[in-house]
Amino acid sequence: MTDTLSDLQKYGVPFYGSGWVPYNHVRSKVNSQEKHEDDEEDNKEDEDPTQSEEEEISTSLNYVVLAGGGGEGRSGIPNAIVVSHVDFASNSLSDQPVVKLGTGSDLPYRMTVHPRGDGVICAMQQSCRLFEWEEPEDNEVHKLGVKGSEKVLTQLEDVGQQLALTFNSEGSVLAAGGEDGSLRVFKWPSMEIILNEAQAHSSVKSLDFSCDGKFLVSLGSSLCRIWDVTSSKVIASLAKGNDEVFAICRFSQIVDKNPVLYIAAVTDHGGSILTWNTTTWKRMHANRVVREPISAFNVSADGKFLAVGTIGGHLFIINSSNMGVQMMYSL
């Protein structure tokens, strides 16, 4: 089934990274719980008594954070971090950003969101910067803002362009992969170094932690490496096929008896999803799912669906159990 994204919003910035805001954790971080409860109590008489507070929260306090821009040139396109409100009831984004924080001449080319509310880390051209959530005093509708952090990520200063950033699911470990092929893994928030590999790949394109945090997968164009996080050792190397170029890697998001690793690959015939067993590290399947090269790939929170974006502006939702296309959207 094909559909057009009628709820598309443009914010004047080309985006290179996006992520969901863990608002429940953020709310706790910025001490907005009491204010929210007071507002709910004040408006209680005007509400439909059948609507629960949980329903109101779920429909009104969902946000996505995006980062990108025009770079260092004089294109007139700003570099910025943008937060947008998501309304699941209407399946739409807010017409205007909740907040738009300019980053000057620094282009946030990659980003990762801390899953427990510690903020957003953006990879600029030479260094990485931390941005923190805040509660704006002059915004009664949206109780969310973002600001540059006073904390300097010294270990990620002057390290060159980082092409991949990710936290593990607990937010206790941070991994960064560089354009120069370096791989760095840190404890968070201490930034104590766990792994520092200067030549993990010719260039690191993608990183992901397993659901239990035991493994880290790092991806180059022709080689995928599996690292044991505790020992900081490579336990498996996965090679590409003859006509394959590795693009993006993601572990399955279900902690069950049969977790898998997905690698989105570009081939001579389009885009394929490769599936690997995470016990034997043997290739299980290779399914061509699109006719165009894959430019974006992710796995749903429950592991049931895969999302594939192509360079032609198409988005495919794929059933992970049979690799069949459920929906296709055209931009």
C-alpha atoms as a PDB file:
ATOM      1  CA  MET A   1       0.000   0.000   0.000  1.00  0.00           C
ATOM      2  CA  THR A   2       1.390   3.397  -1.015  1.00  0.00           C
ATOM      3  CA  ASP A   3       0.592   6.662   0.731  1.00  0.00           C
ATOM      4  CA  THR A   4       1.774  10.260   0.596  1.00  0.00           C
ATOM      5  CA  LEU A   5       3.082  11.973   3.712  1.00  0.00           C
ATOM      6  CA  SER A   6       0.419  14.687   3.914  1.00  0.00           C
ATOM      7  CA  ASP A   7       1.505  15.706   7.431  1.00  0.00           C
ATOM      8  CA  LEU A   8       5.042  16.580   6.338  1.00  0.00           C
ATOM      9  CA  GLN A   9       6.528  19.619   8.079  1.00  0.00           C
ATOM     10  CA  LYS A  10       9.512  21.708   7.018  1.00  0.00           C
ATOM     11  CA  TYR A  11      11.487  23.780   9.510  1.00  0.00           C
ATOM     12  CA  GLY A  12      13.995  25.451   7.202  1.00  0.00           C
ATOM     13  CA  VAL A  13      16.863  23.130   8.133  1.00  0.00           C
ATOM     14  CA  PRO A  14      18.160  19.986   6.360  1.00  0.00           C
ATOM     15  CA  PHE A  15      18.337  17.346   9.078  1.00  0.00           C
ATOM     16  CA  TYR A  16      21.085  14.749   9.519  1.00  0.00           C
ATOM     17  CA  GLY A  17      19.946  13.245  12.812  1.00  0.00           C
ATOM     18  CA  SER A  18      16.751  12.654  14.780  1.00  0.00           C
ATOM     19  CA  GLY A  19      15.561  10.928  17.929  1.00  0.00           C
ATOM     20  CA  TRP A  20      12.672  10.624  20.357  1.00  0.00           C
ATOM     21  CA  VAL A  21      12.815  12.738  23.491  1.00  0.00           C
ATOM     22  CA  PRO A  22      12.482  10.533  26.629  1.00  0.00           C
ATOM     23  CA  TYR A  23      10.119  13.052  28.140  1.00  0.00           C
ATOM     24  CA  ASN A  24       9.260  11.171  31.329  1.00  0.00           C
ATOM     25  CA  HIS A  25      12.941  11.088  32.249  1.00  0.00           C
ATOM     26  CA  VAL A  26      13.467  14.655  31.086  1.00  0.00           C
ATOM     27  CA  ARG A  27      10.537  15.863  33.182  1.00  0.00           C
ATOM     28  CA  SER A  28      12.108  14.297  36.245  1.00  0.00           C
ATOM     29  CA  LYS A  29      15.476  15.863  35.423  1.00  0.00           C
ATOM     30  CA  VAL A  30      14.130  19.390  35.160  1.00  0.00           C
ATOM     31  CA  ASN A  31      11.796  19.054  38.164  1.00  0.00           C
ATOM     32  CA  SER A  32       8.664  19.815  36.165  1.00  0.00           C
ATOM     33  CA  GLN A  33       6.557  17.091  37.777  1.00  0.00           C
ATOM     34  CA  GLU A  34       5.090  19.331  40.492  1.00  0.00           C
ATOM     35  CA  LYS A  35       4.231  22.112  38.070  1.00  0.00           C
ATOM     36  CA  HIS A  36       2.523  19.673  35.729  1.00  0.00           C
ATOM     37  CA  GLU A  37       0.435  18.206  38.566  1.00  0.00           C
ATOM     38  CA  ASP A  38      -0.579  21.695  39.731  1.00  0.00           C
ATOM     39  CA  ASP A  39      -1.696  22.603  36.212  1.00  0.00           C
ATOM     40  CA  GLU A  40      -3.693  19.382  35.955  1.00  0.00           C
ATOM     41  CA  GLU A  41      -5.420  20.071  39.297  1.00  0.00           C
ATOM     42  CA  ASP A  42      -6.296  23.653  38.321  1.00  0.00           C
ATOM     43  CA  ASN A  43      -7.952  22.482  35.106  1.00  0.00           C
ATOM     44  CA  LYS A  44      -9.632  19.416  36.548  1.00  0.00           C
ATOM     45  CA  GLU A  45     -13.116  20.936  36.650  1.00  0.00           C
ATOM     46  CA  ASP A  46     -12.989  21.712  32.932  1.00  0.00           C
ATOM     47  CA  GLU A  47     -11.906  18.221  31.882  1.00  0.00           C
ATOM     48  CA  ASP A  48     -13.961  15.287  30.737  1.00  0.00           C
ATOM     49  CA  PRO A  49     -13.977  13.053  33.843  1.00  0.00           C
ATOM     50  CA  THR A  50     -13.611   9.978  31.660  1.00  0.00           C
ATOM     51  CA  GLN A  51     -10.231  11.115  30.370  1.00  0.00           C
ATOM     52  CA  SER A  52      -7.343   9.959  32.518  1.00  0.00           C
ATOM     53  CA  GLU A  53      -4.234  11.974  33.218  1.00  0.00           C
ATOM     54  CA  GLU A  54      -2.204   9.252  31.552  1.00  0.00           C
ATOM     55  CA  GLU A  55      -4.152   9.687  28.313  1.00  0.00           C
ATOM     56  CA  GLU A  56      -3.607  13.437  28.364  1.00  0.00           C
ATOM     57  CA  ILE A  57       0.097  13.074  28.998  1.00  0.00           C
ATOM     58  CA  SER A  58       0.505  10.485  26.235  1.00  0.00           C
ATOM     59  CA  THR A  59      -1.238  12.652  23.672  1.00  0.00           C
ATOM     60  CA  SER A  60       0.280  16.017  24.590  1.00  0.00           C
ATOM     61  CA  LEU A  61       3.855  15.466  25.754  1.00  0.00           C
ATOM     62  CA  ASN A  62       5.581  13.622  22.925  1.00  0.00           C
ATOM     63  CA  TYR A  63       8.545  15.263  21.263  1.00  0.00           C
ATOM     64  CA  VAL A  64      11.154  14.542  18.626  1.00  0.00           C
ATOM     65  CA  VAL A  65      14.547  16.252  18.443  1.00  0.00           C
ATOM     66  CA  LEU A  66      16.265  16.921  15.112  1.00  0.00           C
ATOM     67  CA  ALA A  67      19.674  18.324  14.229  1.00  0.00           C
ATOM     68  CA  GLY A  68      21.253  19.664  11.057  1.00  0.00           C
ATOM     69  CA  GLY A  69      21.880  22.763   8.986  1.00  0.00           C
ATOM     70  CA  GLY A  70      23.727  24.284   6.081  1.00  0.00           C
ATOM     71  CA  GLY A  71      27.282  23.888   7.360  1.00  0.00           C
ATOM     72  CA  GLU A  72      30.018  26.502   7.528  1.00  0.00           C
ATOM     73  CA  GLY A  73      29.326  28.149   4.161  1.00  0.00           C
ATOM     74  CA  ARG A  74      27.272  31.214   3.330  1.00  0.00           C
ATOM     75  CA  SER A  75      24.189  29.330   2.193  1.00  0.00           C
ATOM     76  CA  GLY A  76      21.974  31.267   4.574  1.00  0.00           C
ATOM     77  CA  ILE A  77      20.690  27.994   6.009  1.00  0.00           C
ATOM     78  CA  PRO A  78      21.141  27.977   9.807  1.00  0.00           C
ATOM     79  CA  ASN A  79      22.720  25.201  11.831  1.00  0.00           C
ATOM     80  CA  ALA A  80      20.329  24.247  14.598  1.00  0.00           C
ATOM     81  CA  ILE A  81      18.848  21.751  17.009  1.00  0.00           C
ATOM     82  CA  VAL A  82      15.075  21.638  16.617  1.00  0.00           C
ATOM     83  CA  VAL A  83      12.474  20.131  18.956  1.00  0.00           C
ATOM     84  CA  SER A  84       9.026  19.421  17.529  1.00  0.00           C
ATOM     85  CA  HIS A  85       5.825  18.314  19.232  1.00  0.00           C
ATOM     86  CA  VAL A  86       4.261  15.064  17.986  1.00  0.00           C
ATOM     87  CA  ASP A  87       0.486  14.556  18.122  1.00  0.00           C
ATOM     88  CA  PHE A  88      -0.199  10.850  17.754  1.00  0.00           C
ATOM     89  CA  ALA A  89      -3.967  11.391  17.632  1.00  0.00           C
ATOM     90  CA  SER A  90      -3.679  13.327  14.362  1.00  0.00           C
ATOM     91  CA  ASN A  91      -0.372  11.726  13.334  1.00  0.00           C
ATOM     92  CA  SER A  92       1.209  15.148  12.848  1.00  0.00           C
ATOM     93  CA  LEU A  93       4.112  17.359  13.851  1.00  0.00           C
ATOM     94  CA  SER A  94       3.688  20.874  15.215  1.00  0.00           C
ATOM     95  CA  ASP A  95       3.532  23.606  12.576  1.00  0.00           C
ATOM     96  CA  GLN A  96       6.352  25.441  14.321  1.00  0.00           C
ATOM     97  CA  PRO A  97       9.202  24.027  16.411  1.00  0.00           C
ATOM     98  CA  VAL A  98       8.771  23.939  20.166  1.00  0.00           C
ATOM     99  CA  VAL A  99      12.330  25.257  20.325  1.00  0.00           C
ATOM    100  CA  LYS A 100      15.002  25.999  17.730  1.00  0.00           C
ATOM    101  CA  LEU A 101      18.499  26.435  19.134  1.00  0.00           C
ATOM    102  CA  GLY A 102      21.089  27.798  16.731  1.00  0.00           C
ATOM    103  CA  THR A 103      24.605  26.318  16.872  1.00  0.00           C
ATOM    104  CA  GLY A 104      26.395  29.104  15.020  1.00  0.00           C
ATOM    105  CA  SER A 105      28.875  27.926  12.401  1.00  0.00           C
ATOM    106  CA  ASP A 106      28.962  24.404  13.911  1.00  0.00           C
ATOM    107  CA  LEU A 107      26.946  21.859  11.919  1.00  0.00           C
ATOM    108  CA  PRO A 108      25.438  19.087  14.102  1.00  0.00           C
ATOM    109  CA  TYR A 109      26.088  16.343  11.566  1.00  0.00           C
ATOM    110  CA  ARG A 110      25.323  13.381  13.822  1.00  0.00           C
ATOM    111  CA  MET A 111      23.514  13.096  17.153  1.00  0.00           C
ATOM    112  CA  THR A 112      22.409  10.698  19.862  1.00  0.00           C
ATOM    113  CA  VAL A 113      19.804  11.171  22.608  1.00  0.00           C
ATOM    114  CA  HIS A 114      20.556   9.958  26.119  1.00  0.00           C
ATOM    115  CA  PRO A 115      17.760   7.470  26.963  1.00  0.00           C
ATOM    116  CA  ARG A 116      17.444   8.601  30.601  1.00  0.00           C
ATOM    117  CA  GLY A 117      17.197  12.339  30.004  1.00  0.00           C
ATOM    118  CA  ASP A 118      20.813  13.539  30.289  1.00  0.00           C
ATOM    119  CA  GLY A 119      20.514  15.435  27.009  1.00  0.00           C
ATOM    120  CA  VAL A 120      21.697  15.236  23.409  1.00  0.00           C
ATOM    121  CA  ILE A 121      25.238  14.817  22.104  1.00  0.00           C
ATOM    122  CA  CYS A 122      25.934  16.283  18.668  1.00  0.00           C
ATOM    123  CA  ALA A 123      28.970  15.603  16.496  1.00  0.00           C
ATOM    124  CA  MET A 124      30.273  18.827  14.972  1.00  0.00           C
ATOM    125  CA  GLN A 125      33.085  18.996  12.417  1.00  0.00           C
ATOM    126  CA  GLN A 126      35.926  18.617  14.912  1.00  0.00           C
ATOM    127  CA  SER A 127      34.366  17.989  18.334  1.00  0.00           C
ATOM    128  CA  CYS A 128      31.257  16.701  20.075  1.00  0.00           C
ATOM    129  CA  ARG A 129      29.037  18.901  22.241  1.00  0.00           C
ATOM    130  CA  LEU A 130      26.478  18.113  24.921  1.00  0.00           C
ATOM    131  CA  PHE A 131      23.121  19.893  25.000  1.00  0.00           C
ATOM    132  CA  GLU A 132      20.809  19.621  28.005  1.00  0.00           C
ATOM    133  CA  TRP A 133      17.052  19.821  28.461  1.00  0.00           C
ATOM    134  CA  GLU A 134      15.522  22.670  30.409  1.00  0.00           C
ATOM    135  CA  GLU A 135      12.126  23.974  31.447  1.00  0.00           C
ATOM    136  CA  PRO A 136      11.505  27.344  29.760  1.00  0.00           C
ATOM    137  CA  GLU A 137       9.934  29.916  32.060  1.00  0.00           C
ATOM    138  CA  ASP A 138       7.941  31.720  29.376  1.00  0.00           C
ATOM    139  CA  ASN A 139       6.281  28.790  27.635  1.00  0.00           C
ATOM    140  CA  GLU A 140       3.053  27.555  29.210  1.00  0.00           C
ATOM    141  CA  VAL A 141       2.127  25.193  26.376  1.00  0.00           C
ATOM    142  CA  HIS A 142       5.324  23.189  25.964  1.00  0.00           C
ATOM    143  CA  LYS A 143       7.376  22.489  29.076  1.00  0.00           C
ATOM    144  CA  LEU A 144      10.565  21.648  27.221  1.00  0.00           C
ATOM    145  CA  GLY A 145      13.632  23.529  26.053  1.00  0.00           C
ATOM    146  CA  VAL A 146      17.243  22.783  25.139  1.00  0.00           C
ATOM    147  CA  LYS A 147      20.468  24.613  25.944  1.00  0.00           C
ATOM    148  CA  GLY A 148      24.198  24.163  25.520  1.00  0.00           C
ATOM    149  CA  SER A 149      25.715  22.337  28.488  1.00  0.00           C
ATOM    150  CA  GLU A 150      28.508  23.716  30.646  1.00  0.00           C
ATOM    151  CA  LYS A 151      29.971  20.214  30.683  1.00  0.00           C
ATOM    152  CA  VAL A 152      32.767  19.918  28.118  1.00  0.00           C
ATOM    153  CA  LEU A 153      33.324  16.488  26.563  1.00  0.00           C
ATOM    154  CA  THR A 154      37.101  16.811  26.716  1.00  0.00           C
ATOM    155  CA  GLN A 155      37.696  13.281  25.429  1.00  0.00           C
ATOM    156  CA  LEU A 156      35.754  14.121  22.245  1.00  0.00           C
ATOM    157  CA  GLU A 157      37.341  17.503  21.540  1.00  0.00           C
ATOM    158  CA  ASP A 158      39.490  17.935  18.417  1.00  0.00           C
ATOM    159  CA  VAL A 159      38.955  14.320  17.371  1.00  0.00           C
ATOM    160  CA  GLY A 160      37.663  15.074  13.859  1.00  0.00           C
ATOM    161  CA  GLN A 161      34.257  14.367  12.376  1.00  0.00           C
ATOM    162  CA  GLN A 162      32.369  11.587  14.143  1.00  0.00           C
ATOM    163  CA  LEU A 163      29.989   9.714  11.828  1.00  0.00           C
ATOM    164  CA  ALA A 164      28.281   7.554  14.464  1.00  0.00           C
ATOM    165  CA  LEU A 165      27.200   8.176  18.070  1.00  0.00           C
ATOM    166  CA  THR A 166      25.093   5.931  20.287  1.00  0.00           C
ATOM    167  CA  PHE A 167      24.280   5.130  23.912  1.00  0.00           C
ATOM    168  CA  ASN A 168      23.418   1.696  25.235  1.00  0.00           C
ATOM    169  CA  SER A 169      19.829   1.224  26.402  1.00  0.00           C
ATOM    170  CA  GLU A 170      20.662   2.097  30.029  1.00  0.00           C
ATOM    171  CA  GLY A 171      22.541   5.235  29.044  1.00  0.00           C
ATOM    172  CA  SER A 172      25.630   4.048  30.947  1.00  0.00           C
ATOM    173  CA  VAL A 173      27.937   3.613  27.933  1.00  0.00           C
ATOM    174  CA  LEU A 174      28.615   5.934  24.981  1.00  0.00           C
ATOM    175  CA  ALA A 175      30.236   4.908  21.694  1.00  0.00           C
ATOM    176  CA  ALA A 176      31.632   7.235  19.018  1.00  0.00           C
ATOM    177  CA  GLY A 177      32.924   6.261  15.583  1.00  0.00           C
ATOM    178  CA  GLY A 178      35.028   8.600  13.471  1.00  0.00           C
ATOM    179  CA  GLU A 179      35.422   9.401   9.810  1.00  0.00           C
ATOM    180  CA  ASP A 180      39.080   8.443  10.307  1.00  0.00           C
ATOM    181  CA  GLY A 181      38.102   4.908  11.382  1.00  0.00           C
ATOM    182  CA  SER A 182      38.589   5.409  15.116  1.00  0.00           C
ATOM    183  CA  LEU A 183      36.262   3.821  17.672  1.00  0.00           C
ATOM    184  CA  ARG A 184      35.960   5.176  21.199  1.00  0.00           C
ATOM    185  CA  VAL A 185      33.753   3.781  23.972  1.00  0.00           C
ATOM    186  CA  PHE A 186      33.227   5.558  27.304  1.00  0.00           C
ATOM    187  CA  LYS A 187      31.433   5.049  30.588  1.00  0.00           C
ATOM    188  CA  TRP A 188      28.728   7.674  31.051  1.00  0.00           C
ATOM    189  CA  PRO A 189      28.661  10.215  32.603  1.00  0.00           C
ATOM    190  CA  SER A 190      32.261   9.926  33.849  1.00  0.00           C
ATOM    191  CA  MET A 191      33.639   9.645  30.266  1.00  0.00           C
ATOM    192  CA  GLU A 192      36.137   7.068  31.502  1.00  0.00           C
ATOM    193  CA  ILE A 193      37.564   5.367  28.430  1.00  0.00           C
ATOM    194  CA  ILE A 194      36.650   1.709  27.913  1.00  0.00           C
ATOM    195  CA  LEU A 195      37.869   1.185  24.360  1.00  0.00           C
ATOM    196  CA  ASN A 196      40.094   3.312  22.136  1.00  0.00           C
ATOM    197  CA  GLU A 197      40.766   1.678  18.763  1.00  0.00           C
ATOM    198  CA  ALA A 198      42.492   3.983  16.276  1.00  0.00           C
ATOM    199  CA  GLN A 199      41.833   1.844  13.188  1.00  0.00           C
ATOM    200  CA  ALA A 200      38.647  -0.100  13.829  1.00  0.00           C
ATOM    201  CA  HIS A 201      37.663   0.533  10.188  1.00  0.00           C
ATOM    202  CA  SER A 202      38.775   2.720   7.315  1.00  0.00           C
ATOM    203  CA  SER A 203      35.768   4.837   8.343  1.00  0.00           C
ATOM    204  CA  VAL A 204      33.073   4.045  10.913  1.00  0.00           C
ATOM    205  CA  LYS A 205      29.628   4.369   9.316  1.00  0.00           C
ATOM    206  CA  SER A 206      27.287   2.983  11.975  1.00  0.00           C
ATOM    207  CA  LEU A 207      27.224   1.758  15.588  1.00  0.00           C
ATOM    208  CA  ASP A 208      24.679  -0.028  17.771  1.00  0.00           C
ATOM    209  CA  PHE A 209      24.543  -1.761  21.147  1.00  0.00           C
ATOM    210  CA  SER A 210      22.729  -5.048  21.716  1.00  0.00           C
ATOM    211  CA  CYS A 211      19.600  -4.875  23.879  1.00  0.00           C
ATOM    212  CA  ASP A 212      21.410  -6.256  26.928  1.00  0.00           C
ATOM    213  CA  GLY A 213      24.413  -3.991  26.360  1.00  0.00           C
ATOM    214  CA  LYS A 214      26.868  -6.892  26.111  1.00  0.00           C
ATOM    215  CA  PHE A 215      27.823  -6.301  22.486  1.00  0.00           C
ATOM    216  CA  LEU A 216      28.664  -3.310  20.316  1.00  0.00           C
ATOM    217  CA  VAL A 217      28.532  -3.601  16.537  1.00  0.00           C
ATOM    218  CA  SER A 218      30.687  -1.278  14.441  1.00  0.00           C
ATOM    219  CA  LEU A 219      30.272  -0.995  10.696  1.00  0.00           C
ATOM    220  CA  GLY A 220      32.547  -0.015   7.849  1.00  0.00           C
ATOM    221  CA  SER A 221      31.778  -0.268   4.137  1.00  0.00           C
ATOM    222  CA  SER A 222      33.137  -3.793   3.789  1.00  0.00           C
ATOM    223  CA  LEU A 223      33.475  -5.181   7.309  1.00  0.00           C
ATOM    224  CA  CYS A 224      31.290  -5.432  10.419  1.00  0.00           C
ATOM    225  CA  ARG A 225      32.918  -6.072  13.786  1.00  0.00           C
ATOM    226  CA  ILE A 226      31.279  -7.338  16.975  1.00  0.00           C
ATOM    227  CA  TRP A 227      32.870  -6.145  20.199  1.00  0.00           C
ATOM    228  CA  ASP A 228      32.450  -7.594  23.678  1.00  0.00           C
ATOM    229  CA  VAL A 229      31.890  -4.452  25.763  1.00  0.00           C
ATOM    230  CA  THR A 230      33.259  -5.951  28.994  1.00  0.00           C
ATOM    231  CA  SER A 231      36.533  -7.226  27.528  1.00  0.00           C
ATOM    232  CA  SER A 232      36.785  -4.608  24.737  1.00  0.00           C
ATOM    233  CA  LYS A 233      37.741  -7.414  22.348  1.00  0.00           C
ATOM    234  CA  VAL A 234      36.486  -8.300  18.877  1.00  0.00           C
ATOM    235  CA  ILE A 235      34.581 -11.574  19.058  1.00  0.00           C
ATOM    236  CA  ALA A 236      33.399 -11.764  15.437  1.00  0.00           C
ATOM    237  CA  SER A 237      34.009 -10.140  12.049  1.00  0.00           C
ATOM    238  CA  LEU A 238      31.252 -10.230   9.440  1.00  0.00           C
ATOM    239  CA  ALA A 239      32.238  -9.754   5.816  1.00  0.00           C
ATOM    240  CA  LYS A 240      30.148  -8.392   2.982  1.00  0.00           C
ATOM    241  CA  GLY A 241      29.162 -10.278  -0.167  1.00  0.00           C
ATOM    242  CA  ASN A 242      30.695  -9.575  -3.558  1.00  0.00           C
ATOM    243  CA  ASP A 243      28.251  -6.846  -4.625  1.00  0.00           C
ATOM    244  CA  GLU A 244      27.369  -5.532  -1.151  1.00  0.00           C
ATOM    245  CA  VAL A 245      28.320  -2.269   0.543  1.00  0.00           C
ATOM    246  CA  PHE A 246      27.397  -2.155   4.225  1.00  0.00           C
ATOM    247  CA  ALA A 247      25.407   0.957   5.191  1.00  0.00           C
ATOM    248  CA  ILE A 248      23.685   0.745   8.608  1.00  0.00           C
ATOM    249  CA  CYS A 249      23.574  -1.813  11.454  1.00  0.00           C
ATOM    250  CA  ARG A 250      20.904  -2.425  14.085  1.00  0.00           C
ATOM    251  CA  PHE A 251      20.363  -5.156  16.656  1.00  0.00           C
ATOM    252  CA  SER A 252      16.835  -6.477  17.052  1.00  0.00           C
ATOM    253  CA  GLN A 253      15.073  -4.716  19.903  1.00  0.00           C
ATOM    254  CA  ILE A 254      13.463  -7.817  21.430  1.00  0.00           C
ATOM    255  CA  VAL A 255      15.236  -9.496  24.326  1.00  0.00           C
ATOM    256  CA  ASP A 256      14.181 -13.068  23.592  1.00  0.00           C
ATOM    257  CA  LYS A 257      15.677 -16.434  22.679  1.00  0.00           C
ATOM    258  CA  ASN A 258      16.435 -15.454  19.101  1.00  0.00           C
ATOM    259  CA  PRO A 259      17.818 -11.903  18.870  1.00  0.00           C
ATOM    260  CA  VAL A 260      19.309 -10.984  15.503  1.00  0.00           C
ATOM    261  CA  LEU A 261      21.549  -8.374  13.934  1.00  0.00           C
ATOM    262  CA  TYR A 262      20.339  -6.519  10.856  1.00  0.00           C
ATOM    263  CA  ILE A 263      22.648  -4.867   8.349  1.00  0.00           C
ATOM    264  CA  ALA A 264      21.214  -2.649   5.641  1.00  0.00           C
ATOM    265  CA  ALA A 265      23.345  -3.014   2.519  1.00  0.00           C
ATOM    266  CA  VAL A 266      23.486  -1.411  -0.896  1.00  0.00           C
ATOM    267  CA  THR A 267      23.822  -3.857  -3.788  1.00  0.00           C
ATOM    268  CA  ASP A 268      23.927  -3.735  -7.573  1.00  0.00           C
ATOM    269  CA  HIS A 269      20.196  -4.500  -7.588  1.00  0.00           C
ATOM    270  CA  GLY A 270      19.006  -2.091  -4.872  1.00  0.00           C
ATOM    271  CA  GLY A 271      18.840  -2.260  -1.085  1.00  0.00           C
ATOM    272  CA  SER A 272      18.947  -5.446   0.978  1.00  0.00           C
ATOM    273  CA  ILE A 273      18.520  -6.372   4.634  1.00  0.00           C
ATOM    274  CA  LEU A 274      21.016  -8.965   5.866  1.00  0.00           C
ATOM    275  CA  THR A 275      20.144 -10.950   8.993  1.00  0.00           C
ATOM    276  CA  TRP A 276      22.766 -12.512  11.283  1.00  0.00           C
ATOM    277  CA  ASN A 277      22.472 -14.924  14.204  1.00  0.00           C
ATOM    278  CA  THR A 278      23.837 -13.303  17.375  1.00  0.00           C
ATOM    279  CA  THR A 279      25.027 -16.552  18.921  1.00  0.00           C
ATOM    280  CA  THR A 280      26.927 -18.132  16.037  1.00  0.00           C
ATOM    281  CA  TRP A 281      27.400 -14.856  14.099  1.00  0.00           C
ATOM    282  CA  LYS A 282      26.455 -16.695  10.925  1.00  0.00           C
ATOM    283  CA  ARG A 283      24.495 -15.056   8.143  1.00  0.00           C
ATOM    284  CA  MET A 284      20.887 -16.271   8.147  1.00  0.00           C
ATOM    285  CA  HIS A 285      19.141 -14.385   5.356  1.00  0.00           C
ATOM    286  CA  ALA A 286      19.671 -11.749   2.677  1.00  0.00           C
ATOM    287  CA  ASN A 287      16.468 -10.090   1.455  1.00  0.00           C
ATOM    288  CA  ARG A 288      16.299  -7.447  -1.231  1.00  0.00           C
ATOM    289  CA  VAL A 289      13.588  -5.091  -0.006  1.00  0.00           C
ATOM    290  CA  VAL A 290      13.906  -1.982  -2.203  1.00  0.00           C
ATOM    291  CA  ARG A 291      15.133  -1.098  -5.683  1.00  0.00           C
ATOM    292  CA  GLU A 292      17.016   2.027  -4.610  1.00  0.00           C
ATOM    293  CA  PRO A 293      20.074   2.450  -2.363  1.00  0.00           C
ATOM    294  CA  ILE A 294      19.205   2.580   1.356  1.00  0.00           C
ATOM    295  CA  SER A 295      19.990   5.861   3.121  1.00  0.00           C
ATOM    296  CA  ALA A 296      18.214   5.297   6.470  1.00  0.00           C
ATOM    297  CA  PHE A 297      17.304   2.233   8.518  1.00  0.00           C
ATOM    298  CA  ASN A 298      15.855   1.493  11.949  1.00  0.00           C
ATOM    299  CA  VAL A 299      13.963  -1.118  13.975  1.00  0.00           C
ATOM    300  CA  SER A 300      10.708  -0.510  15.874  1.00  0.00           C
ATOM    301  CA  ALA A 301      10.775  -0.644  19.665  1.00  0.00           C
ATOM    302  CA  ASP A 302       8.982  -4.010  19.694  1.00  0.00           C
ATOM    303  CA  GLY A 303      11.126  -5.449  16.900  1.00  0.00           C
ATOM    304  CA  LYS A 304       8.134  -6.243  14.702  1.00  0.00           C
ATOM    305  CA  PHE A 305       8.833  -3.704  11.967  1.00  0.00           C
ATOM    306  CA  LEU A 306      11.789  -2.307  10.071  1.00  0.00           C
ATOM    307  CA  ALA A 307      11.849   1.182   8.560  1.00  0.00           C
ATOM    308  CA  VAL A 308      13.870   1.730   5.389  1.00  0.00           C
ATOM    309  CA  GLY A 309      14.469   5.092   3.736  1.00  0.00           C
ATOM    310  CA  THR A 310      15.929   5.442   0.243  1.00  0.00           C
ATOM    311  CA  ILE A 311      17.867   8.140  -1.594  1.00  0.00           C
ATOM    312  CA  GLY A 312      14.823   8.603  -3.838  1.00  0.00           C
ATOM    313  CA  GLY A 313      12.722   9.890  -0.932  1.00  0.00           C
ATOM    314  CA  HIS A 314      10.701   6.739  -0.262  1.00  0.00           C
ATOM    315  CA  LEU A 315       9.990   5.239   3.163  1.00  0.00           C
ATOM    316  CA  PHE A 316       9.158   1.546   3.525  1.00  0.00           C
ATOM    317  CA  ILE A 317       7.695  -0.164   6.595  1.00  0.00           C
ATOM    318  CA  ILE A 318       8.674  -3.825   6.517  1.00  0.00           C
ATOM    319  CA  ASN A 319       7.405  -6.789   8.549  1.00  0.00           C
ATOM    320  CA  SER A 320      10.489  -8.275  10.219  1.00  0.00           C
ATOM    321  CA  SER A 321       9.027 -11.791  10.341  1.00  0.00           C
ATOM    322  CA  ASN A 322       8.691 -12.226   6.564  1.00  0.00           C
ATOM    323  CA  MET A 323      10.462  -9.112   5.141  1.00  0.00           C
ATOM    324  CA  GLY A 324       7.265  -8.127   3.333  1.00  0.00           C
ATOM    325  CA  VAL A 325       6.518  -4.456   2.689  1.00  0.00           C
ATOM    326  CA  GLN A 326       3.593  -3.326   4.864  1.00  0.00           C
ATOM    327  CA  MET A 327       3.456   0.319   3.765  1.00  0.00           C
ATOM    328  CA  MET A 328       5.310   2.642   1.414  1.00  0.00           C
ATOM    329  CA  TYR A 329       5.330   6.415   1.736  1.00  0.00           C
ATOM    330  CA  SER A 330       6.495   8.903  -0.893  1.00  0.00           C
ATOM    331  CA  LEU A 331       7.870  12.278   0.069  1.00  0.00           C
END
